[in-house]
N, C-alpha and C. Protein backbone atom coordinates (compact mmCIF):
# COMPACT_ATOMS: atom_id res chain seq x y z
N MET A 1 3.86 62.26 39.18
CA MET A 1 4.98 61.56 39.77
C MET A 1 6.10 62.53 40.08
N SER A 2 6.53 62.62 41.33
CA SER A 2 7.54 63.58 41.72
C SER A 2 8.92 63.19 41.21
N LYS A 3 9.14 61.91 40.96
CA LYS A 3 10.41 61.45 40.47
C LYS A 3 10.17 60.36 39.44
N ILE A 4 10.87 60.45 38.31
CA ILE A 4 10.66 59.46 37.26
C ILE A 4 11.43 58.19 37.60
N LYS A 5 10.75 57.06 37.56
CA LYS A 5 11.35 55.78 37.87
C LYS A 5 11.66 55.02 36.59
N LYS A 6 12.59 54.09 36.68
CA LYS A 6 12.96 53.27 35.52
C LYS A 6 11.89 52.25 35.20
N VAL A 7 11.21 51.77 36.23
CA VAL A 7 10.14 50.79 36.06
C VAL A 7 8.89 51.32 36.77
N LEU A 8 7.74 51.26 36.08
CA LEU A 8 6.51 51.84 36.60
C LEU A 8 5.48 50.77 36.91
N THR A 9 4.63 51.05 37.88
CA THR A 9 3.51 50.18 38.19
C THR A 9 2.28 50.62 37.41
N THR A 10 1.27 49.79 37.38
CA THR A 10 0.02 50.18 36.72
C THR A 10 -0.61 51.37 37.45
N GLY A 11 -0.36 51.47 38.76
CA GLY A 11 -0.85 52.62 39.51
C GLY A 11 -0.17 53.90 39.07
N ASP A 12 1.14 53.84 38.80
CA ASP A 12 1.86 55.00 38.30
C ASP A 12 1.27 55.46 36.97
N ILE A 13 0.99 54.48 36.10
CA ILE A 13 0.43 54.79 34.77
C ILE A 13 -0.95 55.45 34.92
N ALA A 14 -1.78 54.87 35.79
CA ALA A 14 -3.13 55.40 35.99
C ALA A 14 -3.08 56.82 36.53
N THR A 15 -2.15 57.09 37.45
CA THR A 15 -2.02 58.43 38.03
C THR A 15 -1.61 59.45 36.98
N HIS A 16 -0.61 59.12 36.18
CA HIS A 16 -0.14 60.06 35.16
C HIS A 16 -1.22 60.34 34.11
N CYS A 17 -1.90 59.27 33.67
CA CYS A 17 -2.89 59.42 32.60
C CYS A 17 -4.26 59.83 33.12
N GLN A 18 -4.41 59.87 34.46
CA GLN A 18 -5.67 60.25 35.09
C GLN A 18 -6.82 59.36 34.64
N VAL A 19 -6.56 58.05 34.68
CA VAL A 19 -7.57 57.05 34.36
C VAL A 19 -7.60 56.05 35.51
N CYS A 20 -8.59 55.17 35.51
CA CYS A 20 -8.66 54.16 36.56
C CYS A 20 -7.75 52.99 36.21
N TYR A 21 -7.47 52.15 37.21
CA TYR A 21 -6.58 51.01 37.04
C TYR A 21 -7.06 50.10 35.92
N GLU A 22 -8.39 49.87 35.84
CA GLU A 22 -8.91 48.94 34.85
C GLU A 22 -8.64 49.41 33.43
N THR A 23 -8.62 50.72 33.20
CA THR A 23 -8.29 51.23 31.87
C THR A 23 -6.87 50.85 31.50
N VAL A 24 -5.94 51.00 32.44
CA VAL A 24 -4.55 50.60 32.19
C VAL A 24 -4.48 49.11 31.91
N ALA A 25 -5.21 48.32 32.68
CA ALA A 25 -5.22 46.87 32.47
C ALA A 25 -5.73 46.52 31.07
N ASN A 26 -6.72 47.26 30.59
CA ASN A 26 -7.24 47.02 29.24
C ASN A 26 -6.22 47.39 28.18
N TRP A 27 -5.46 48.47 28.41
CA TRP A 27 -4.39 48.83 27.47
C TRP A 27 -3.37 47.70 27.38
N ILE A 28 -3.05 47.10 28.52
CA ILE A 28 -2.07 46.01 28.55
C ILE A 28 -2.63 44.76 27.87
N LYS A 29 -3.88 44.41 28.19
CA LYS A 29 -4.49 43.21 27.62
C LYS A 29 -4.62 43.28 26.11
N SER A 30 -4.84 44.49 25.59
CA SER A 30 -4.99 44.66 24.14
C SER A 30 -3.65 44.91 23.44
N ASP A 31 -2.56 44.75 24.20
CA ASP A 31 -1.19 44.90 23.65
C ASP A 31 -0.89 46.31 23.16
N LYS A 32 -1.63 47.28 23.65
CA LYS A 32 -1.34 48.67 23.32
C LYS A 32 -0.18 49.20 24.17
N LEU A 33 -0.08 48.68 25.39
CA LEU A 33 0.97 49.10 26.32
C LEU A 33 1.79 47.87 26.71
N LYS A 34 3.08 47.90 26.43
CA LYS A 34 3.95 46.77 26.74
C LYS A 34 4.19 46.68 28.25
N SER A 35 4.22 45.44 28.75
CA SER A 35 4.47 45.23 30.17
C SER A 35 5.13 43.87 30.37
N TYR A 36 5.56 43.60 31.58
CA TYR A 36 6.05 42.27 31.93
C TYR A 36 5.54 41.92 33.32
N GLN A 37 5.66 40.65 33.66
CA GLN A 37 5.12 40.18 34.93
C GLN A 37 6.26 39.78 35.87
N THR A 38 6.19 40.23 37.12
CA THR A 38 7.19 39.89 38.12
C THR A 38 6.92 38.47 38.64
N PRO A 39 7.89 37.87 39.35
CA PRO A 39 7.65 36.54 39.95
C PRO A 39 6.43 36.54 40.86
N GLY A 40 6.10 37.69 41.45
CA GLY A 40 4.92 37.80 42.30
C GLY A 40 3.65 38.06 41.54
N ARG A 41 3.72 38.00 40.18
CA ARG A 41 2.58 38.16 39.26
C ARG A 41 2.03 39.58 39.26
N HIS A 42 2.92 40.55 39.49
CA HIS A 42 2.53 41.95 39.38
C HIS A 42 2.98 42.49 38.03
N ARG A 43 2.18 43.35 37.43
CA ARG A 43 2.53 43.94 36.14
C ARG A 43 3.44 45.15 36.35
N ARG A 44 4.46 45.24 35.53
CA ARG A 44 5.38 46.37 35.55
C ARG A 44 5.61 46.85 34.13
N ILE A 45 5.85 48.15 33.97
CA ILE A 45 6.04 48.76 32.65
C ILE A 45 7.37 49.48 32.64
N ARG A 46 8.20 49.17 31.68
CA ARG A 46 9.48 49.85 31.55
C ARG A 46 9.26 51.30 31.14
N LEU A 47 10.08 52.17 31.68
CA LEU A 47 9.93 53.60 31.41
C LEU A 47 9.93 53.90 29.92
N GLU A 48 10.87 53.29 29.18
CA GLU A 48 10.96 53.58 27.75
C GLU A 48 9.71 53.13 26.99
N ASP A 49 9.10 52.01 27.43
CA ASP A 49 7.88 51.53 26.78
C ASP A 49 6.71 52.48 27.03
N PHE A 50 6.64 53.01 28.26
CA PHE A 50 5.57 53.95 28.58
C PHE A 50 5.74 55.25 27.81
N MET A 51 6.98 55.72 27.69
CA MET A 51 7.23 56.95 26.94
C MET A 51 6.87 56.78 25.48
N ASP A 52 7.16 55.59 24.92
CA ASP A 52 6.77 55.30 23.53
C ASP A 52 5.25 55.31 23.40
N PHE A 53 4.55 54.73 24.38
CA PHE A 53 3.09 54.69 24.38
C PHE A 53 2.52 56.10 24.39
N LEU A 54 3.05 56.97 25.25
CA LEU A 54 2.56 58.34 25.34
C LEU A 54 2.77 59.09 24.03
N ALA A 55 3.95 58.90 23.43
CA ALA A 55 4.25 59.60 22.17
C ALA A 55 3.38 59.09 21.04
N GLU A 56 3.18 57.78 20.98
CA GLU A 56 2.39 57.18 19.90
C GLU A 56 0.95 57.67 19.91
N HIS A 57 0.41 57.88 21.11
CA HIS A 57 -1.00 58.26 21.22
C HIS A 57 -1.20 59.74 21.54
N GLY A 58 -0.14 60.53 21.45
CA GLY A 58 -0.26 61.97 21.62
C GLY A 58 -0.70 62.39 23.01
N MET A 59 -0.28 61.64 24.02
CA MET A 59 -0.67 61.94 25.40
C MET A 59 0.40 62.78 26.08
N PRO A 60 0.08 63.43 27.22
CA PRO A 60 1.04 64.30 27.90
C PRO A 60 2.33 63.55 28.21
N PRO A 61 3.49 64.14 27.93
CA PRO A 61 4.77 63.46 28.18
C PRO A 61 5.03 63.27 29.66
N LEU A 62 5.87 62.31 29.96
CA LEU A 62 6.22 62.02 31.34
C LEU A 62 7.34 62.95 31.78
N THR A 63 7.09 63.73 32.83
CA THR A 63 8.09 64.66 33.35
C THR A 63 8.17 64.48 34.85
N ALA A 64 9.06 65.22 35.46
CA ALA A 64 9.21 65.14 36.91
C ALA A 64 8.07 65.82 37.64
N GLU A 65 7.24 66.58 36.91
CA GLU A 65 6.10 67.27 37.50
C GLU A 65 4.81 66.65 37.01
N GLU A 66 3.78 66.83 37.77
CA GLU A 66 2.47 66.33 37.36
C GLU A 66 2.03 67.05 36.09
N PRO A 67 1.45 66.33 35.12
CA PRO A 67 0.99 66.98 33.89
C PRO A 67 -0.15 67.94 34.16
N ARG A 68 -0.16 69.03 33.45
CA ARG A 68 -1.25 70.00 33.59
C ARG A 68 -2.28 69.77 32.50
N ALA A 69 -3.53 70.03 32.84
CA ALA A 69 -4.59 69.88 31.86
C ALA A 69 -4.42 70.93 30.76
N PRO A 70 -4.66 70.55 29.50
CA PRO A 70 -4.51 71.50 28.41
C PRO A 70 -5.49 72.66 28.52
N ALA A 71 -5.09 73.82 28.01
CA ALA A 71 -5.96 74.99 28.04
C ALA A 71 -7.18 74.74 27.15
N VAL A 72 -8.33 75.14 27.63
CA VAL A 72 -9.58 74.91 26.90
C VAL A 72 -10.35 76.21 26.82
N ASP A 73 -10.93 76.49 25.66
CA ASP A 73 -11.79 77.66 25.49
C ASP A 73 -13.01 77.49 26.40
N PRO A 74 -13.18 78.33 27.41
CA PRO A 74 -14.30 78.16 28.34
C PRO A 74 -15.66 78.35 27.70
N ASN A 75 -15.69 78.93 26.51
CA ASN A 75 -16.96 79.16 25.83
C ASN A 75 -17.40 77.97 24.99
N LYS A 76 -16.56 76.96 24.90
CA LYS A 76 -16.90 75.79 24.08
C LYS A 76 -16.99 74.54 24.94
N ARG A 77 -18.05 73.80 24.75
CA ARG A 77 -18.18 72.49 25.39
C ARG A 77 -17.50 71.47 24.47
N ARG A 78 -16.91 70.45 25.06
CA ARG A 78 -16.16 69.44 24.29
C ARG A 78 -16.98 68.16 24.17
N ILE A 79 -17.15 67.71 22.96
CA ILE A 79 -17.95 66.52 22.69
C ILE A 79 -17.10 65.47 21.99
N LEU A 80 -17.07 64.28 22.54
CA LEU A 80 -16.34 63.16 21.96
C LEU A 80 -17.33 62.21 21.29
N VAL A 81 -17.13 61.95 20.00
CA VAL A 81 -18.00 61.06 19.23
C VAL A 81 -17.29 59.72 19.06
N VAL A 82 -17.89 58.66 19.58
CA VAL A 82 -17.26 57.35 19.55
C VAL A 82 -18.14 56.37 18.77
N ASP A 83 -17.65 55.94 17.60
CA ASP A 83 -18.40 54.99 16.78
C ASP A 83 -17.41 54.33 15.82
N ASP A 84 -17.56 53.03 15.59
CA ASP A 84 -16.62 52.34 14.69
C ASP A 84 -17.00 52.50 13.22
N GLU A 85 -18.12 53.17 12.96
CA GLU A 85 -18.52 53.44 11.58
C GLU A 85 -18.14 54.87 11.17
N PRO A 86 -17.20 55.02 10.23
CA PRO A 86 -16.78 56.37 9.81
C PRO A 86 -17.94 57.23 9.33
N GLY A 87 -18.91 56.61 8.65
CA GLY A 87 -20.05 57.37 8.15
C GLY A 87 -20.87 57.99 9.26
N ILE A 88 -21.03 57.28 10.36
CA ILE A 88 -21.79 57.80 11.49
C ILE A 88 -21.02 58.95 12.15
N ARG A 89 -19.70 58.79 12.28
CA ARG A 89 -18.90 59.87 12.87
C ARG A 89 -19.01 61.13 12.03
N ARG A 90 -18.96 60.98 10.71
CA ARG A 90 -19.08 62.15 9.83
C ARG A 90 -20.46 62.77 9.93
N LEU A 91 -21.49 61.93 9.97
CA LEU A 91 -22.86 62.44 10.06
C LEU A 91 -23.05 63.27 11.32
N ILE A 92 -22.53 62.79 12.43
CA ILE A 92 -22.69 63.51 13.69
C ILE A 92 -21.94 64.83 13.68
N THR A 93 -20.68 64.81 13.24
CA THR A 93 -19.90 66.05 13.24
C THR A 93 -20.51 67.06 12.27
N ARG A 94 -21.01 66.61 11.13
CA ARG A 94 -21.63 67.53 10.17
C ARG A 94 -22.94 68.09 10.71
N SER A 95 -23.64 67.31 11.52
CA SER A 95 -24.89 67.79 12.12
C SER A 95 -24.63 69.02 12.97
N PHE A 96 -23.54 69.00 13.73
CA PHE A 96 -23.19 70.15 14.56
C PHE A 96 -22.71 71.32 13.71
N GLU A 97 -21.98 71.02 12.65
CA GLU A 97 -21.50 72.09 11.76
C GLU A 97 -22.67 72.81 11.10
N ARG A 98 -23.68 72.06 10.66
CA ARG A 98 -24.83 72.67 9.99
C ARG A 98 -25.63 73.56 10.94
N LYS A 99 -25.66 73.19 12.21
CA LYS A 99 -26.41 73.96 13.20
C LYS A 99 -25.55 75.07 13.82
N ASN A 100 -24.29 75.16 13.37
CA ASN A 100 -23.36 76.16 13.92
C ASN A 100 -23.26 76.06 15.44
N ALA A 101 -23.33 74.84 15.94
CA ALA A 101 -23.24 74.62 17.39
C ALA A 101 -21.83 74.96 17.87
N ALA A 102 -21.75 75.78 18.90
CA ALA A 102 -20.44 76.26 19.38
C ALA A 102 -19.80 75.23 20.32
N HIS A 103 -19.44 74.09 19.74
CA HIS A 103 -18.80 73.04 20.52
C HIS A 103 -17.52 72.59 19.82
N ALA A 104 -16.58 72.09 20.60
CA ALA A 104 -15.38 71.48 20.04
C ALA A 104 -15.64 69.98 19.96
N LEU A 105 -15.39 69.38 18.79
CA LEU A 105 -15.67 67.97 18.60
C LEU A 105 -14.39 67.17 18.34
N CYS A 106 -14.41 65.94 18.83
CA CYS A 106 -13.30 65.02 18.61
C CYS A 106 -13.93 63.65 18.37
N THR A 107 -13.25 62.76 17.62
CA THR A 107 -13.84 61.45 17.33
C THR A 107 -12.89 60.32 17.74
N ALA A 108 -13.49 59.15 17.96
CA ALA A 108 -12.75 57.93 18.27
C ALA A 108 -13.46 56.77 17.59
N ALA A 109 -12.69 55.77 17.16
CA ALA A 109 -13.25 54.67 16.39
C ALA A 109 -13.58 53.43 17.22
N ASP A 110 -13.12 53.37 18.46
CA ASP A 110 -13.44 52.22 19.31
C ASP A 110 -13.28 52.61 20.78
N GLY A 111 -13.57 51.66 21.65
CA GLY A 111 -13.52 51.94 23.08
C GLY A 111 -12.14 52.25 23.59
N PHE A 112 -11.12 51.61 23.03
CA PHE A 112 -9.75 51.88 23.46
C PHE A 112 -9.37 53.32 23.12
N GLU A 113 -9.64 53.71 21.88
CA GLU A 113 -9.32 55.08 21.47
C GLU A 113 -10.13 56.09 22.26
N ALA A 114 -11.35 55.71 22.61
CA ALA A 114 -12.18 56.60 23.44
C ALA A 114 -11.52 56.87 24.78
N GLY A 115 -10.93 55.82 25.38
CA GLY A 115 -10.24 55.99 26.65
C GLY A 115 -9.09 56.96 26.55
N LEU A 116 -8.35 56.89 25.45
CA LEU A 116 -7.25 57.83 25.25
C LEU A 116 -7.76 59.26 25.09
N GLN A 117 -8.84 59.41 24.32
CA GLN A 117 -9.36 60.76 24.06
C GLN A 117 -10.00 61.37 25.32
N VAL A 118 -10.54 60.52 26.19
CA VAL A 118 -11.07 61.05 27.45
C VAL A 118 -9.96 61.72 28.25
N VAL A 119 -8.75 61.13 28.19
CA VAL A 119 -7.59 61.70 28.88
C VAL A 119 -7.11 62.96 28.19
N LYS A 120 -6.95 62.91 26.87
CA LYS A 120 -6.37 64.03 26.12
C LYS A 120 -7.36 65.17 25.89
N PHE A 121 -8.57 64.82 25.47
CA PHE A 121 -9.55 65.82 25.04
C PHE A 121 -10.41 66.33 26.19
N ARG A 122 -10.55 65.54 27.23
CA ARG A 122 -11.35 65.88 28.42
C ARG A 122 -12.76 66.35 28.03
N PRO A 123 -13.55 65.45 27.46
CA PRO A 123 -14.88 65.86 26.98
C PRO A 123 -15.85 66.19 28.10
N ASP A 124 -16.81 67.03 27.77
CA ASP A 124 -17.93 67.30 28.66
C ASP A 124 -19.05 66.31 28.41
N LEU A 125 -19.05 65.73 27.19
CA LEU A 125 -20.10 64.79 26.81
C LEU A 125 -19.54 63.80 25.80
N ILE A 126 -20.01 62.55 25.89
CA ILE A 126 -19.62 61.51 24.94
C ILE A 126 -20.85 61.01 24.21
N ILE A 127 -20.81 61.03 22.89
CA ILE A 127 -21.83 60.39 22.07
C ILE A 127 -21.27 59.01 21.73
N LEU A 128 -21.92 57.97 22.20
CA LEU A 128 -21.29 56.65 22.27
C LEU A 128 -22.10 55.55 21.61
N ASP A 129 -21.46 54.85 20.68
CA ASP A 129 -22.05 53.64 20.11
C ASP A 129 -21.88 52.49 21.11
N LEU A 130 -22.80 51.56 21.11
CA LEU A 130 -22.72 50.45 22.07
C LEU A 130 -21.89 49.28 21.55
N MET A 131 -22.11 48.90 20.31
CA MET A 131 -21.48 47.70 19.78
C MET A 131 -20.21 48.06 19.01
N MET A 132 -19.07 47.90 19.68
CA MET A 132 -17.78 48.22 19.08
C MET A 132 -16.78 47.11 19.40
N PRO A 133 -15.71 46.99 18.60
CA PRO A 133 -14.69 45.99 18.88
C PRO A 133 -13.87 46.37 20.11
N ASN A 134 -13.16 45.40 20.65
CA ASN A 134 -12.28 45.57 21.82
C ASN A 134 -13.09 45.90 23.07
N ILE A 135 -13.28 47.18 23.37
CA ILE A 135 -14.05 47.58 24.55
C ILE A 135 -15.38 48.14 24.07
N ASP A 136 -16.49 47.51 24.44
CA ASP A 136 -17.78 47.98 23.93
C ASP A 136 -18.28 49.20 24.71
N GLY A 137 -19.39 49.77 24.23
CA GLY A 137 -19.92 50.99 24.83
C GLY A 137 -20.39 50.81 26.26
N PHE A 138 -20.88 49.62 26.60
CA PHE A 138 -21.31 49.37 27.97
C PHE A 138 -20.13 49.54 28.94
N ARG A 139 -18.98 48.97 28.56
CA ARG A 139 -17.80 49.04 29.43
C ARG A 139 -17.27 50.46 29.49
N VAL A 140 -17.33 51.19 28.37
CA VAL A 140 -16.89 52.58 28.39
C VAL A 140 -17.72 53.38 29.40
N CYS A 141 -19.03 53.17 29.38
CA CYS A 141 -19.91 53.84 30.35
C CYS A 141 -19.47 53.54 31.78
N GLN A 142 -19.23 52.28 32.07
CA GLN A 142 -18.84 51.87 33.41
C GLN A 142 -17.52 52.51 33.83
N LEU A 143 -16.55 52.53 32.92
CA LEU A 143 -15.24 53.09 33.24
C LEU A 143 -15.32 54.59 33.48
N VAL A 144 -16.12 55.28 32.68
CA VAL A 144 -16.29 56.73 32.86
C VAL A 144 -16.92 57.02 34.21
N ARG A 145 -17.94 56.27 34.57
CA ARG A 145 -18.64 56.52 35.83
C ARG A 145 -17.82 56.08 37.05
N ALA A 146 -16.92 55.12 36.88
CA ALA A 146 -16.14 54.60 38.00
C ALA A 146 -14.99 55.53 38.39
N ASN A 147 -14.58 56.40 37.48
CA ASN A 147 -13.43 57.28 37.73
C ASN A 147 -13.92 58.62 38.27
N PRO A 148 -13.46 59.03 39.47
CA PRO A 148 -13.89 60.33 40.03
C PRO A 148 -13.57 61.51 39.12
N GLU A 149 -12.55 61.37 38.27
CA GLU A 149 -12.15 62.47 37.39
C GLU A 149 -13.08 62.61 36.18
N THR A 150 -13.86 61.56 35.88
CA THR A 150 -14.67 61.58 34.66
C THR A 150 -16.15 61.31 34.89
N ARG A 151 -16.55 61.01 36.11
CA ARG A 151 -17.92 60.57 36.34
C ARG A 151 -18.97 61.63 36.08
N HIS A 152 -18.54 62.90 35.96
CA HIS A 152 -19.50 63.97 35.67
C HIS A 152 -19.87 64.03 34.18
N ILE A 153 -19.08 63.39 33.33
CA ILE A 153 -19.25 63.51 31.87
C ILE A 153 -20.62 63.00 31.43
N GLY A 154 -21.28 63.75 30.56
CA GLY A 154 -22.56 63.31 30.01
C GLY A 154 -22.35 62.21 28.99
N ILE A 155 -23.26 61.27 28.93
CA ILE A 155 -23.16 60.16 27.97
C ILE A 155 -24.48 59.97 27.25
N LEU A 156 -24.43 60.13 25.92
CA LEU A 156 -25.59 59.87 25.06
C LEU A 156 -25.27 58.65 24.21
N VAL A 157 -25.99 57.58 24.42
CA VAL A 157 -25.80 56.35 23.66
C VAL A 157 -26.62 56.41 22.38
N ILE A 158 -25.99 56.04 21.27
CA ILE A 158 -26.72 55.85 20.01
C ILE A 158 -26.43 54.44 19.53
N THR A 159 -27.45 53.73 19.14
CA THR A 159 -27.24 52.32 18.79
C THR A 159 -28.20 51.83 17.72
N GLY A 160 -27.71 50.92 16.93
CA GLY A 160 -28.55 50.24 15.95
C GLY A 160 -29.18 48.99 16.53
N TYR A 161 -28.89 48.72 17.79
CA TYR A 161 -29.41 47.53 18.48
C TYR A 161 -30.21 48.00 19.70
N ALA A 162 -31.29 48.71 19.43
CA ALA A 162 -32.05 49.36 20.49
C ALA A 162 -33.08 48.43 21.13
N ALA A 163 -32.71 47.17 21.32
CA ALA A 163 -33.59 46.25 22.03
C ALA A 163 -33.71 46.70 23.48
N GLU A 164 -34.82 46.37 24.10
CA GLU A 164 -35.09 46.85 25.46
C GLU A 164 -33.98 46.49 26.43
N GLU A 165 -33.46 45.26 26.30
CA GLU A 165 -32.41 44.83 27.24
C GLU A 165 -31.12 45.62 27.06
N ASN A 166 -30.80 46.02 25.81
CA ASN A 166 -29.60 46.81 25.56
C ASN A 166 -29.74 48.21 26.13
N VAL A 167 -30.91 48.81 25.91
CA VAL A 167 -31.14 50.16 26.42
C VAL A 167 -31.11 50.16 27.95
N LYS A 168 -31.77 49.17 28.55
CA LYS A 168 -31.79 49.08 30.01
C LYS A 168 -30.37 48.91 30.56
N ARG A 169 -29.59 48.05 29.93
CA ARG A 169 -28.22 47.81 30.39
C ARG A 169 -27.37 49.07 30.26
N ALA A 170 -27.53 49.79 29.14
CA ALA A 170 -26.76 51.02 28.93
C ALA A 170 -27.07 52.05 30.01
N MET A 171 -28.33 52.19 30.35
CA MET A 171 -28.71 53.15 31.39
C MET A 171 -28.18 52.71 32.75
N GLU A 172 -28.20 51.42 33.01
CA GLU A 172 -27.66 50.90 34.27
C GLU A 172 -26.15 51.09 34.35
N CYS A 173 -25.49 51.09 33.20
CA CYS A 173 -24.03 51.28 33.16
C CYS A 173 -23.64 52.76 33.30
N GLY A 174 -24.63 53.66 33.19
CA GLY A 174 -24.32 55.07 33.43
C GLY A 174 -24.68 56.05 32.34
N ALA A 175 -25.31 55.58 31.26
CA ALA A 175 -25.71 56.51 30.20
C ALA A 175 -26.79 57.47 30.72
N ASP A 176 -26.77 58.71 30.21
CA ASP A 176 -27.79 59.69 30.58
C ASP A 176 -29.04 59.54 29.73
N SER A 177 -28.84 59.18 28.46
CA SER A 177 -29.98 59.04 27.56
C SER A 177 -29.54 58.18 26.38
N TRP A 178 -30.48 57.89 25.47
CA TRP A 178 -30.15 57.05 24.33
C TRP A 178 -30.97 57.45 23.11
N MET A 179 -30.47 57.06 21.93
CA MET A 179 -31.18 57.26 20.68
C MET A 179 -30.92 56.04 19.80
N ALA A 180 -31.92 55.69 18.99
CA ALA A 180 -31.76 54.57 18.07
C ALA A 180 -31.26 55.08 16.72
N LYS A 181 -30.46 54.27 16.06
CA LYS A 181 -30.06 54.55 14.68
C LYS A 181 -31.11 53.96 13.75
N PRO A 182 -31.46 54.64 12.65
CA PRO A 182 -31.00 55.99 12.27
C PRO A 182 -31.68 57.04 13.15
N PHE A 183 -31.00 58.17 13.31
CA PHE A 183 -31.51 59.20 14.21
C PHE A 183 -31.69 60.53 13.46
N ASP A 184 -32.49 61.38 14.03
CA ASP A 184 -32.72 62.71 13.47
C ASP A 184 -31.64 63.66 13.99
N PRO A 185 -30.84 64.30 13.13
CA PRO A 185 -29.76 65.18 13.58
C PRO A 185 -30.24 66.30 14.51
N GLY A 186 -31.40 66.85 14.22
CA GLY A 186 -31.92 67.91 15.08
C GLY A 186 -32.22 67.41 16.48
N GLU A 187 -32.81 66.22 16.57
CA GLU A 187 -33.10 65.63 17.87
C GLU A 187 -31.81 65.30 18.60
N LEU A 188 -30.80 64.86 17.85
CA LEU A 188 -29.49 64.56 18.46
C LEU A 188 -28.93 65.79 19.17
N ILE A 189 -28.97 66.92 18.49
CA ILE A 189 -28.42 68.15 19.08
C ILE A 189 -29.24 68.59 20.28
N GLU A 190 -30.56 68.44 20.20
CA GLU A 190 -31.41 68.78 21.35
C GLU A 190 -31.05 67.92 22.56
N GLN A 191 -30.85 66.62 22.33
CA GLN A 191 -30.47 65.72 23.42
C GLN A 191 -29.12 66.13 24.01
N VAL A 192 -28.18 66.45 23.14
CA VAL A 192 -26.84 66.85 23.60
C VAL A 192 -26.92 68.08 24.49
N GLU A 193 -27.67 69.09 24.05
CA GLU A 193 -27.76 70.32 24.83
C GLU A 193 -28.40 70.06 26.20
N SER A 194 -29.41 69.20 26.23
CA SER A 194 -30.06 68.87 27.48
C SER A 194 -29.12 68.13 28.43
N ILE A 195 -28.36 67.18 27.89
CA ILE A 195 -27.44 66.40 28.72
C ILE A 195 -26.28 67.26 29.20
N LEU A 196 -25.83 68.21 28.39
CA LEU A 196 -24.75 69.11 28.81
C LEU A 196 -25.17 69.92 30.04
N VAL A 197 -26.40 70.37 30.05
CA VAL A 197 -26.91 71.12 31.21
C VAL A 197 -26.90 70.22 32.44
N ALA A 198 -27.37 68.98 32.26
CA ALA A 198 -27.42 68.04 33.39
C ALA A 198 -26.02 67.67 33.88
N SER A 199 -25.08 67.50 32.96
CA SER A 199 -23.72 67.11 33.36
C SER A 199 -23.01 68.25 34.08
N GLU A 200 -23.30 69.49 33.69
CA GLU A 200 -22.72 70.63 34.39
C GLU A 200 -23.22 70.70 35.83
N LYS A 201 -24.50 70.42 36.02
CA LYS A 201 -25.06 70.38 37.37
C LYS A 201 -24.43 69.25 38.17
N ARG A 202 -24.22 68.11 37.51
CA ARG A 202 -23.61 66.97 38.19
C ARG A 202 -22.19 67.29 38.61
N ALA A 203 -21.45 67.97 37.74
CA ALA A 203 -20.07 68.34 38.06
C ALA A 203 -20.02 69.26 39.28
N LYS A 204 -20.96 70.21 39.36
CA LYS A 204 -21.02 71.11 40.51
C LYS A 204 -21.35 70.37 41.80
N ASN A 205 -22.29 69.42 41.71
CA ASN A 205 -22.66 68.64 42.88
C ASN A 205 -21.51 67.78 43.36
N ILE A 206 -20.76 67.22 42.41
CA ILE A 206 -19.61 66.38 42.77
C ILE A 206 -18.55 67.22 43.46
N SER A 207 -18.30 68.43 42.95
CA SER A 207 -17.28 69.30 43.55
C SER A 207 -17.69 69.74 44.95
N LEU A 208 -18.99 69.90 45.17
CA LEU A 208 -19.46 70.32 46.49
C LEU A 208 -19.35 69.21 47.53
N THR A 209 -19.45 67.96 47.08
CA THR A 209 -19.40 66.84 48.01
C THR A 209 -18.01 66.23 48.11
N ALA A 210 -17.07 66.70 47.28
CA ALA A 210 -15.71 66.12 47.28
C ALA A 210 -14.98 66.50 48.57
């Protein structure tokens, strides 16, 4: 935003946070982001409420200039682990530590937090549970694939509900691959490495056609 306004639109929010409109709408619906409705039924966000939202969730502050992406070690791939079970998050992160995998890891406990971390952490790959409160894994897949800024990201679904219809739906929503819980840590890392290669190729193809 070239100039900071007193009242912001959902489009302003989406542009600053580099997310799609629907992600902003979900933040509002879940009462994470305060807003009000105009007589014409348009959503508006007061500047002070948006600044509080950014500070609360550790997101880039609102300035007169466009936010710059944080510096990232080019030798490390970034992996976001999204699961509402703390034990699963620990198991996954420890699996990478034991294998000395040279990746930067970040975790999220639900779909809403995953959306925030996609903006802040800018993952190369998401390890994603399907059944979560608020925004489930299916919707996270759809939102990632719908946004030109994130559609290259690799997605590995892990689920305790590996029924055929769930797996099929996850793949249709944009997942690259899937694993059933409980899973083998070694196989998990092999899948991650394979998807990272595929997502890097996808990112190059997207940049060539942009």
